[in-house]
Protein backbone atom coordinates (compact mmCIF):
# COMPACT_ATOMS: atom_id res chain seq x y z
CA MET A 1 90.15 -168.53 -121.44
CA HIS A 2 90.46 -165.32 -123.18
CA ALA A 3 87.81 -165.93 -125.64
CA ARG A 4 85.67 -167.31 -122.90
CA LYS A 5 85.97 -164.11 -120.85
CA ARG A 6 85.27 -161.96 -123.90
CA LEU A 7 82.09 -163.62 -124.54
CA MET A 8 81.05 -163.51 -121.08
CA PHE A 9 81.79 -160.03 -120.80
CA GLU A 10 80.01 -159.06 -124.08
CA HIS A 11 76.73 -161.00 -123.11
CA SER A 12 76.66 -160.21 -119.37
CA ASP A 13 74.70 -157.58 -117.50
CA ALA A 14 76.39 -158.45 -114.35
CA PHE A 15 78.89 -160.57 -112.83
CA VAL A 16 78.28 -163.19 -109.90
CA ALA A 17 81.15 -165.09 -108.37
CA LEU A 18 79.95 -168.30 -106.83
CA PRO A 19 82.47 -169.94 -104.67
CA GLY A 20 84.92 -171.54 -106.79
CA GLY A 21 88.75 -172.23 -107.77
CA ILE A 22 91.39 -170.30 -109.47
CA GLY A 23 89.60 -169.89 -113.01
CA THR A 24 86.64 -168.23 -110.95
CA LEU A 25 89.01 -165.83 -109.19
CA GLU A 26 90.78 -165.04 -112.23
CA GLU A 27 87.51 -164.11 -113.88
CA LEU A 28 86.36 -162.20 -111.05
CA VAL A 29 89.56 -160.06 -110.75
CA GLU A 30 89.46 -159.22 -114.62
CA GLN A 31 85.98 -157.92 -114.13
CA LEU A 32 87.00 -155.75 -110.90
CA THR A 33 90.21 -154.55 -112.75
CA TRP A 34 87.96 -153.45 -115.94
CA GLN A 35 85.54 -151.74 -113.51
CA GLN A 36 88.11 -149.78 -111.66
CA LEU A 37 89.64 -148.81 -115.55
CA GLY A 38 86.15 -147.59 -116.33
CA ARG A 39 85.66 -150.19 -119.12
CA HIS A 40 82.40 -151.07 -117.58
CA SER A 41 80.09 -150.17 -114.66
CA LYS A 42 78.20 -153.50 -114.57
CA PRO A 43 77.48 -154.97 -110.86
CA VAL A 44 80.08 -157.54 -109.51
CA LEU A 45 78.56 -159.56 -106.89
CA LEU A 46 80.34 -162.23 -104.65
CA ALA A 47 78.19 -165.15 -103.47
CA ASN A 48 79.64 -165.16 -100.08
CA ILE A 49 78.14 -168.62 -99.23
CA ASP A 50 79.31 -169.55 -95.77
CA GLY A 51 81.86 -166.78 -95.66
CA PHE A 52 83.79 -168.49 -98.75
CA TRP A 53 85.15 -165.07 -100.11
CA GLU A 54 86.01 -163.55 -96.89
CA PRO A 55 90.05 -164.17 -97.34
CA LEU A 56 89.52 -162.28 -100.62
CA LEU A 57 87.73 -159.33 -99.10
CA ALA A 58 90.26 -159.23 -96.28
CA LEU A 59 93.13 -159.08 -98.99
CA ILE A 60 91.26 -156.10 -100.60
CA ALA A 61 90.98 -154.49 -97.42
CA HIS A 62 94.70 -155.09 -96.86
CA MET A 63 95.38 -153.79 -100.15
CA ARG A 64 93.70 -150.69 -99.61
CA ALA A 65 94.95 -150.12 -96.00
CA THR A 66 98.68 -150.51 -97.47
CA GLN A 67 97.93 -148.02 -100.32
CA PHE A 68 98.15 -150.58 -103.16
CA ILE A 69 94.64 -149.75 -104.01
CA ARG A 70 94.64 -145.90 -104.23
CA PRO A 71 91.93 -143.95 -102.38
CA THR A 72 90.76 -142.57 -105.59
CA LEU A 73 90.15 -146.03 -107.16
CA SER A 74 86.80 -147.75 -106.07
CA VAL A 75 86.45 -151.49 -105.79
CA ASP A 76 82.67 -151.94 -106.04
CA ILE A 77 81.78 -155.54 -104.82
CA LEU A 78 78.23 -156.41 -104.08
CA GLN A 79 77.77 -159.31 -101.52
CA ALA A 80 75.27 -162.08 -100.87
CA GLU A 81 75.42 -164.35 -98.10
CA ARG A 82 72.48 -166.46 -99.32
CA VAL A 83 71.57 -167.60 -102.75
CA GLU A 84 68.18 -166.12 -102.75
CA ASP A 85 69.84 -162.71 -102.03
CA ILE A 86 71.67 -162.74 -105.35
CA LEU A 87 68.97 -161.34 -107.69
CA PRO A 88 67.51 -158.72 -105.37
CA ARG A 89 70.86 -157.25 -104.73
CA LEU A 90 71.61 -157.14 -108.39
CA GLN A 91 68.13 -155.49 -109.35
CA ALA A 92 68.67 -153.04 -106.37
CA ALA A 93 71.99 -152.03 -107.89
CA ALA A 94 70.37 -151.82 -111.42
CA ALA A 95 67.67 -149.68 -109.94
CA ASN A 96 70.20 -147.21 -108.18
CA ALA A 97 72.73 -147.08 -111.22
CA PRO A 98 73.40 -143.20 -111.99
CA GLU A 99 71.28 -141.78 -114.89
CA GLY A 100 72.82 -142.45 -118.35
CA THR A 101 75.03 -145.54 -117.07
CA ALA A 102 75.32 -147.13 -120.40
CA ALA A 103 76.19 -150.72 -118.61
CA LEU A 104 72.80 -150.66 -116.72
CA THR A 105 69.99 -149.51 -119.15
CA PRO A 106 66.41 -150.17 -118.24
CA GLU A 107 66.23 -153.13 -120.39
CA MET A 108 69.30 -154.52 -118.42
CA ALA A 109 67.37 -153.91 -115.22
CA ARG A 110 64.52 -155.71 -116.40
CA ARG A 111 66.41 -158.58 -117.53
CA LEU A 112 68.04 -158.92 -113.97
């Protein structure tokens, strides 16, 4: 799993979590953690088809409300409720990335 996640990280411009199981959740949480720690600024998107990820989003809100996620730490998760919204949301995130964001170069934005 570690080798797979390393390859995924090295070759990805963004991360999309489709509805899935424990492995999907583990991969997603690792990317969110790395994003929080400043290891990357690549977009992370939940394909929240039929509200699949709502329990996770509620848990993250609960963690923030109970201060287990510090106010100074962001949890930047894009969402798409429909499959056809995934690419437009990622493209918009790439277009709105701050100037000089290494993880979202113009080349990466074009590839999205």
